[in-house]
Amino acid sequence: MLESLDLTHFAVLGKEKINFSAGLNVILGENCTGKSLLLKLAYTGAFVSHSIGKSDRKTKDELQRALADKLKSTCMPDSLGRLVSRRQGRNRCEIQFRFLENSADPIDFSFATNSDKEVKLESDLPSLWLKSAPVFIPTMEIMSVYPNFASTLKERQLSFDSTYLDLAESLSVATLRRLPTHEQQLKESLEAVMQGKIVYENNRFYLVSEQDNKGKLEMPLVAEGIRKIALLAQLIMNGSLRKTSILFWDEPEVNFNPKLMRHLASILVDLTEKGVQIIMATHSLFLLREIKIMRFTRKIHSPANYIALAPGDNGVTLSQGGDLDDVDPVASLEAELEQGDRYMELP
């Protein structure tokens, strides 16, 4: 699991250290404060640690190449130097990942404003690597377009970052014959929300409804919010999302109505209780409140961390804490509260 991320001059950020909890981690902020880039940077470190860890070629050159390639394909700048904070003259971005599996042995690298696709490893090779592959869920769902979407991404140059292909490849893994008890419970809770089960036939996903009048539905005919629930169910069923996994999710609230968002909050809390580390970016005050209500009513004391990004006179500043009330300001959330006040004042 990801323990911390130290960064200097990355994108719109200056010098920051982010500590991650083993459970829930929420990145907040207005547009253009770097939420998605920060999420993708964290995912890059986890992805590379796992991929190099299972490779037979564990060398400094391979690690440098993997970090550069993944960071570029995930964030999609014209060159890596575009990810360095804009300053007069040259500047250098410094990144350090620490993982709970090997906290004393970080991955530390840097690149400059004139870097195209090269990074410099500043640390020794780690002795331990992430055992579980991370999962990244982007804002656009892919259950309804799989598998043609995956094969097209592999063969052609399209304007989709590599998180989409990574997710499609995770979906391609065959389902397990038997799940551990806690993962079976998660699957069943997701099926209760969907009111059906996921099946894969003729290269397409279907939702087999428990309601007789609906029968078997092709994924494009299923509501998009339910498709995202189905995605989680499939990743659990094939072992891609399990205990010790890291789940990165960019704006999970997209295409969820308030009623379904309450189920989403419950699912996110369930996942952390079953040992999944979640790192997500959101704009939704409703979702955050539901998560807090859920944790309180269930008397859940597992760790959480809130990371708020806010624009300032000297760039974006970062604050973090164990509760939503510990971070300030969260302007995007305050705007929602202010709208509620204005609505109540209407005659």
Protein backbone atom coordinates (compact mmCIF):
# COMPACT_ATOMS: atom_id res chain seq x y z
CA MET A 1 0.00 0.00 0.00
CA LEU A 2 1.07 3.58 -0.61
CA GLU A 3 2.36 5.22 2.57
CA SER A 4 3.53 8.65 1.42
CA LEU A 5 4.30 10.78 -1.59
CA ASP A 6 6.89 13.57 -1.43
CA LEU A 7 6.91 15.96 -4.36
CA THR A 8 8.65 19.15 -5.35
CA HIS A 9 7.58 21.29 -8.32
CA PHE A 10 5.08 18.81 -9.73
CA ALA A 11 2.47 20.44 -11.97
CA VAL A 12 0.83 23.29 -10.02
CA LEU A 13 2.22 22.18 -6.65
CA GLY A 14 5.35 23.38 -4.86
CA LYS A 15 6.98 21.29 -2.16
CA GLU A 16 4.54 18.93 -0.41
CA LYS A 17 4.47 15.65 1.49
CA ILE A 18 1.26 13.62 1.42
CA ASN A 19 0.69 10.87 3.97
CA PHE A 20 -1.82 8.21 2.96
CA SER A 21 -3.94 6.16 5.32
CA ALA A 22 -4.24 2.41 4.82
CA GLY A 23 -7.99 2.89 4.31
CA LEU A 24 -9.79 5.84 2.71
CA ASN A 25 -7.98 8.78 1.09
CA VAL A 26 -9.91 11.63 -0.54
CA ILE A 27 -8.41 14.34 -2.76
CA LEU A 28 -10.50 17.54 -2.88
CA GLY A 29 -10.20 20.81 -4.73
CA GLU A 30 -11.48 23.12 -7.39
CA ASN A 31 -10.87 22.56 -11.09
CA CYS A 32 -7.27 23.27 -12.19
CA THR A 33 -5.80 22.52 -8.76
CA GLY A 34 -4.22 19.26 -9.92
CA LYS A 35 -6.46 16.59 -8.38
CA SER A 36 -6.44 14.21 -11.33
CA LEU A 37 -2.73 14.70 -12.00
CA LEU A 38 -1.95 13.96 -8.35
CA LEU A 39 -4.12 10.84 -8.50
CA LYS A 40 -2.37 9.68 -11.67
CA LEU A 41 1.07 10.36 -10.21
CA ALA A 42 0.27 8.18 -7.19
CA TYR A 43 -1.08 5.48 -9.51
CA THR A 44 2.10 5.63 -11.60
CA GLY A 45 4.24 4.81 -8.57
CA ALA A 46 2.02 1.88 -7.54
CA PHE A 47 1.76 0.52 -11.09
CA VAL A 48 5.51 0.64 -11.70
CA SER A 49 6.34 -0.90 -8.32
CA HIS A 50 4.10 -3.87 -9.09
CA SER A 51 5.14 -4.30 -12.75
CA ILE A 52 8.88 -4.13 -12.03
CA GLY A 53 8.42 -6.34 -8.97
CA LYS A 54 7.06 -9.20 -11.05
CA SER A 55 9.64 -8.68 -13.83
CA ASP A 56 12.88 -10.62 -14.15
CA ARG A 57 14.69 -7.43 -15.18
CA LYS A 58 15.00 -5.45 -11.97
CA THR A 59 17.65 -2.91 -12.93
CA LYS A 60 18.05 0.82 -12.48
CA ASP A 61 17.65 1.39 -16.22
CA GLU A 62 14.43 -0.64 -16.34
CA LEU A 63 12.95 1.21 -13.38
CA GLN A 64 13.84 4.61 -14.86
CA ARG A 65 12.36 3.63 -18.21
CA ALA A 66 9.19 2.26 -16.60
CA LEU A 67 8.65 5.38 -14.48
CA ALA A 68 9.12 7.71 -17.45
CA ASP A 69 6.94 5.69 -19.82
CA LYS A 70 4.11 5.24 -17.35
CA LEU A 71 4.09 8.83 -16.15
CA LYS A 72 3.96 10.07 -19.73
CA SER A 73 1.27 7.63 -20.88
CA THR A 74 -0.88 8.30 -17.80
CA CYS A 75 -0.66 12.11 -17.64
CA MET A 76 -0.19 12.54 -21.43
CA PRO A 77 2.03 15.67 -21.58
CA ASP A 78 3.87 16.46 -24.81
CA SER A 79 7.04 15.90 -22.81
CA LEU A 80 7.75 15.03 -19.18
CA GLY A 81 9.18 18.50 -18.68
CA ARG A 82 5.66 19.88 -19.09
CA LEU A 83 4.82 18.31 -15.71
CA VAL A 84 7.38 20.48 -13.93
CA SER A 85 6.01 23.58 -12.19
CA ARG A 86 6.35 26.58 -14.46
CA ARG A 87 9.10 28.94 -13.33
CA GLN A 88 11.53 31.26 -15.09
CA GLY A 89 14.42 29.28 -16.48
CA ARG A 90 14.91 25.60 -15.77
CA ASN A 91 13.40 23.78 -12.84
CA ARG A 92 13.43 20.21 -11.56
CA CYS A 93 10.61 18.01 -10.32
CA GLU A 94 11.47 15.57 -7.52
CA ILE A 95 9.21 12.63 -6.61
CA GLN A 96 9.50 10.07 -3.83
CA PHE A 97 7.14 7.13 -3.23
CA ARG A 98 7.10 5.13 -0.02
CA PHE A 99 5.12 1.91 0.33
CA LEU A 100 4.04 0.22 3.55
CA GLU A 101 5.60 -3.01 2.29
CA ASN A 102 9.06 -1.39 2.37
CA SER A 103 8.84 2.02 3.99
CA ALA A 104 12.58 2.45 4.51
CA ASP A 105 13.37 1.76 0.84
CA PRO A 106 11.59 4.41 -1.31
CA ILE A 107 11.47 5.00 -5.04
CA ASP A 108 13.02 8.43 -5.55
CA PHE A 109 13.37 10.04 -9.00
CA SER A 110 13.49 13.41 -10.73
CA PHE A 111 13.22 15.08 -14.11
CA ALA A 112 13.79 18.63 -15.42
CA THR A 113 11.84 21.08 -17.56
CA ASN A 114 13.91 20.06 -20.59
CA SER A 115 13.23 16.33 -20.11
CA ASP A 116 11.41 14.63 -22.95
CA LYS A 117 10.89 11.06 -21.76
CA GLU A 118 13.69 10.47 -19.30
CA VAL A 119 13.83 10.46 -15.50
CA LYS A 120 16.77 10.04 -13.16
CA LEU A 121 16.55 7.51 -10.35
CA GLU A 122 17.90 9.12 -7.18
CA SER A 123 17.58 6.06 -4.91
CA ASP A 124 18.77 2.47 -4.92
CA LEU A 125 16.52 -0.27 -6.25
CA PRO A 126 13.93 -1.26 -3.64
CA SER A 127 14.28 -4.71 -2.13
CA LEU A 128 10.49 -5.21 -1.91
CA TRP A 129 7.77 -4.32 -4.41
CA LEU A 130 3.98 -4.10 -4.44
CA LYS A 131 2.52 -7.59 -4.76
CA SER A 132 -0.97 -6.54 -5.89
CA ALA A 133 -1.57 -4.62 -9.12
CA PRO A 134 -3.34 -1.29 -8.51
CA VAL A 135 -6.68 -0.53 -10.15
CA PHE A 136 -7.50 2.89 -11.63
CA ILE A 137 -11.10 3.76 -12.52
CA PRO A 138 -11.29 6.86 -14.75
CA THR A 139 -14.37 9.04 -15.08
CA MET A 140 -15.65 7.38 -18.27
CA GLU A 141 -17.05 3.86 -17.85
CA ILE A 142 -15.85 1.11 -20.24
CA MET A 143 -18.07 -1.91 -19.42
CA SER A 144 -20.41 -1.07 -22.30
CA VAL A 145 -17.63 -0.81 -24.92
CA TYR A 146 -15.40 -3.68 -23.80
CA PRO A 147 -13.63 -5.58 -25.45
CA ASN A 148 -13.51 -3.69 -28.76
CA PHE A 149 -12.35 -0.62 -26.87
CA ALA A 150 -9.37 -2.49 -25.41
CA SER A 151 -8.24 -3.98 -28.72
CA THR A 152 -8.55 -0.61 -30.45
CA LEU A 153 -6.45 1.12 -27.76
CA LYS A 154 -3.72 -1.49 -28.21
CA GLU A 155 -3.57 -1.11 -31.99
CA ARG A 156 -4.16 2.59 -32.58
CA GLN A 157 -3.06 5.98 -31.28
CA LEU A 158 -6.12 7.43 -29.55
CA SER A 159 -6.43 10.29 -27.06
CA PHE A 160 -7.05 8.08 -24.05
CA ASP A 161 -4.52 7.86 -21.25
CA SER A 162 -3.18 4.44 -20.30
CA THR A 163 -5.47 4.07 -17.27
CA TYR A 164 -8.26 3.05 -19.68
CA LEU A 165 -6.22 0.26 -21.23
CA ASP A 166 -5.00 -0.88 -17.81
CA LEU A 167 -8.60 -1.15 -16.62
CA ALA A 168 -9.67 -2.98 -19.76
CA GLU A 169 -6.87 -5.49 -19.26
CA SER A 170 -7.95 -6.00 -15.65
CA LEU A 171 -11.46 -6.77 -16.90
CA SER A 172 -10.06 -9.37 -19.29
CA VAL A 173 -8.88 -11.62 -16.44
CA ALA A 174 -11.05 -14.73 -16.06
CA THR A 175 -13.27 -14.92 -12.97
CA LEU A 176 -12.21 -17.06 -10.04
CA ARG A 177 -14.00 -20.32 -9.29
CA ARG A 178 -14.20 -19.46 -5.62
CA LEU A 179 -13.79 -16.21 -3.70
CA PRO A 180 -12.58 -15.74 -0.11
CA THR A 181 -15.44 -15.15 2.32
CA HIS A 182 -15.01 -11.39 2.64
CA GLU A 183 -14.77 -10.90 -1.14
CA GLN A 184 -17.82 -13.10 -1.66
CA GLN A 185 -19.71 -10.87 0.75
CA LEU A 186 -18.64 -7.77 -1.20
CA LYS A 187 -19.76 -9.33 -4.48
CA GLU A 188 -23.14 -10.21 -3.03
CA SER A 189 -23.65 -6.70 -1.68
CA LEU A 190 -22.90 -5.26 -5.13
CA GLU A 191 -25.31 -7.71 -6.75
CA ALA A 192 -27.99 -6.58 -4.33
CA VAL A 193 -27.50 -2.99 -5.48
CA MET A 194 -27.59 -4.02 -9.15
CA GLN A 195 -30.49 -6.41 -8.54
CA GLY A 196 -28.71 -8.89 -10.73
CA LYS A 197 -25.48 -10.68 -11.62
CA ILE A 198 -22.76 -9.98 -14.17
CA VAL A 199 -22.10 -12.54 -16.91
CA TYR A 200 -19.66 -12.47 -19.83
CA GLU A 201 -20.85 -14.06 -23.06
CA ASN A 202 -19.91 -13.63 -26.73
CA ASN A 203 -17.30 -11.01 -25.84
CA ARG A 204 -19.84 -8.81 -24.06
CA PHE A 205 -20.89 -8.13 -20.49
CA TYR A 206 -24.52 -8.57 -19.50
CA LEU A 207 -26.55 -7.89 -16.38
CA VAL A 208 -28.79 -10.84 -15.59
CA SER A 209 -31.61 -9.20 -13.66
CA GLU A 210 -33.32 -10.82 -10.70
CA GLN A 211 -36.53 -9.19 -11.92
CA ASP A 212 -38.19 -11.57 -14.39
CA ASN A 213 -39.50 -8.82 -16.63
CA LYS A 214 -36.00 -7.52 -17.41
CA GLY A 215 -34.10 -10.75 -18.06
CA LYS A 216 -30.59 -10.40 -19.49
CA LEU A 217 -29.59 -6.83 -20.39
CA GLU A 218 -26.70 -5.78 -22.60
CA MET A 219 -24.44 -3.33 -20.78
CA PRO A 220 -25.29 -0.37 -23.07
CA LEU A 221 -28.91 -0.77 -21.93
CA VAL A 222 -27.95 -0.57 -18.25
CA ALA A 223 -27.83 2.78 -16.42
CA GLU A 224 -24.28 4.12 -16.28
CA GLY A 225 -24.19 4.31 -12.49
CA ILE A 226 -25.12 0.61 -12.32
CA ARG A 227 -22.43 -0.15 -14.89
CA LYS A 228 -19.83 1.26 -12.49
CA ILE A 229 -21.17 -0.98 -9.73
CA ALA A 230 -20.96 -3.87 -12.20
CA LEU A 231 -17.34 -2.95 -12.92
CA LEU A 232 -16.46 -3.27 -9.23
CA ALA A 233 -18.26 -6.62 -9.05
CA GLN A 234 -16.33 -7.97 -12.04
CA LEU A 235 -12.98 -6.79 -10.63
CA ILE A 236 -13.76 -8.55 -7.36
CA MET A 237 -14.92 -11.71 -9.13
CA ASN A 238 -11.69 -12.01 -11.14
CA GLY A 239 -9.39 -11.16 -8.23
CA SER A 240 -8.19 -7.79 -9.54
CA LEU A 241 -9.68 -6.02 -6.54
CA ARG A 242 -8.87 -7.80 -3.31
CA LYS A 243 -7.43 -7.36 0.14
CA THR A 244 -4.17 -5.31 -0.07
CA SER A 245 -5.21 -3.82 -3.45
CA ILE A 246 -5.02 -0.08 -4.07
CA LEU A 247 -8.08 1.38 -5.80
CA PHE A 248 -7.64 4.75 -7.49
CA TRP A 249 -10.93 6.35 -8.57
CA ASP A 250 -11.33 9.69 -10.33
CA GLU A 251 -14.69 11.30 -9.47
CA PRO A 252 -16.65 8.14 -8.56
CA GLU A 253 -19.83 10.19 -8.17
CA VAL A 254 -20.16 10.82 -11.93
CA ASN A 255 -23.54 9.53 -13.21
CA PHE A 256 -24.71 8.47 -9.74
CA ASN A 257 -28.04 9.81 -8.51
CA PRO A 258 -28.29 10.64 -4.78
CA LYS A 259 -30.02 7.34 -3.93
CA LEU A 260 -27.38 5.29 -5.72
CA MET A 261 -24.64 7.48 -4.24
CA ARG A 262 -25.67 6.30 -0.79
CA HIS A 263 -25.00 2.75 -1.96
CA LEU A 264 -21.67 3.91 -3.40
CA ALA A 265 -20.65 5.37 -0.03
CA SER A 266 -21.48 2.05 1.64
CA ILE A 267 -19.46 0.15 -0.96
CA LEU A 268 -16.42 2.39 -0.49
CA VAL A 269 -16.56 1.93 3.27
CA ASP A 270 -16.98 -1.84 2.83
CA LEU A 271 -13.92 -2.01 0.58
CA THR A 272 -11.71 -0.22 3.10
CA GLU A 273 -12.99 -2.46 5.89
CA LYS A 274 -11.99 -5.49 3.79
CA GLY A 275 -8.42 -4.22 3.40
CA VAL A 276 -8.53 -2.22 0.14
CA GLN A 277 -6.72 1.10 0.17
CA ILE A 278 -8.80 3.72 -1.67
CA ILE A 279 -7.36 6.93 -3.12
CA MET A 280 -10.06 8.97 -4.87
CA ALA A 281 -10.69 12.49 -6.15
CA THR A 282 -14.15 14.00 -5.82
CA HIS A 283 -16.19 17.20 -6.03
CA SER A 284 -19.22 15.73 -4.26
CA LEU A 285 -20.13 17.03 -0.83
CA PHE A 286 -23.10 14.64 -0.84
CA LEU A 287 -20.82 11.61 -1.26
CA LEU A 288 -18.39 12.81 1.42
CA ARG A 289 -21.22 13.35 3.90
CA GLU A 290 -22.66 9.92 3.16
CA ILE A 291 -19.26 8.34 3.77
CA LYS A 292 -18.93 10.19 7.07
CA ILE A 293 -22.46 9.19 8.14
CA MET A 294 -21.74 5.59 7.16
CA ARG A 295 -18.50 5.45 9.12
CA PHE A 296 -20.14 7.03 12.17
CA THR A 297 -23.24 4.81 12.24
CA ARG A 298 -21.14 1.67 11.79
CA LYS A 299 -18.67 2.84 14.47
CA ILE A 300 -15.81 2.42 12.02
CA HIS A 301 -12.46 3.58 13.31
CA SER A 302 -10.24 2.60 10.39
CA PRO A 303 -7.98 5.46 9.26
CA ALA A 304 -9.02 8.08 6.71
CA ASN A 305 -7.17 10.99 5.18
CA TYR A 306 -8.51 14.09 3.41
CA ILE A 307 -6.21 16.03 1.08
CA ALA A 308 -7.42 19.48 0.01
CA LEU A 309 -5.89 21.48 -2.84
CA ALA A 310 -6.65 25.21 -2.94
CA PRO A 311 -5.47 27.98 -5.28
CA GLY A 312 -3.49 30.79 -3.67
CA ASP A 313 -1.42 33.82 -4.58
CA ASN A 314 1.74 31.70 -4.86
CA GLY A 315 0.21 28.64 -6.49
CA VAL A 316 -1.80 25.73 -5.16
CA THR A 317 -1.52 24.95 -1.45
CA LEU A 318 -2.23 21.59 0.18
CA SER A 319 -3.73 20.72 3.53
CA GLN A 320 -4.55 17.30 4.92
CA GLY A 321 -6.18 15.73 7.95
CA GLY A 322 -8.07 12.74 9.31
CA ASP A 323 -11.48 14.39 8.97
CA LEU A 324 -13.21 16.57 6.41
CA ASP A 325 -13.39 19.37 8.99
CA ASP A 326 -9.59 19.30 9.34
CA VAL A 327 -8.91 20.62 5.83
CA ASP A 328 -9.46 24.21 4.81
CA PRO A 329 -10.40 25.76 2.56
CA VAL A 330 -12.45 23.46 0.35
CA ALA A 331 -13.95 26.10 -1.93
CA SER A 332 -15.70 23.65 -4.27
CA LEU A 333 -17.60 22.20 -1.31
CA GLU A 334 -18.28 25.59 0.24
CA ALA A 335 -19.97 26.68 -3.01
CA GLU A 336 -22.46 23.84 -2.60
CA LEU A 337 -23.21 24.86 0.98
CA GLU A 338 -23.60 28.50 -0.06
CA GLN A 339 -26.08 27.50 -2.77
CA GLY A 340 -28.17 25.72 -0.12
CA ASP A 341 -28.28 28.92 1.93
CA ARG A 342 -29.37 30.96 -1.10
CA TYR A 343 -32.06 28.42 -1.95
CA MET A 344 -33.49 28.57 1.57
CA GLU A 345 -33.77 32.36 1.26
CA LEU A 346 -36.09 32.11 -1.78
CA PRO A 347 -39.67 33.24 -1.09
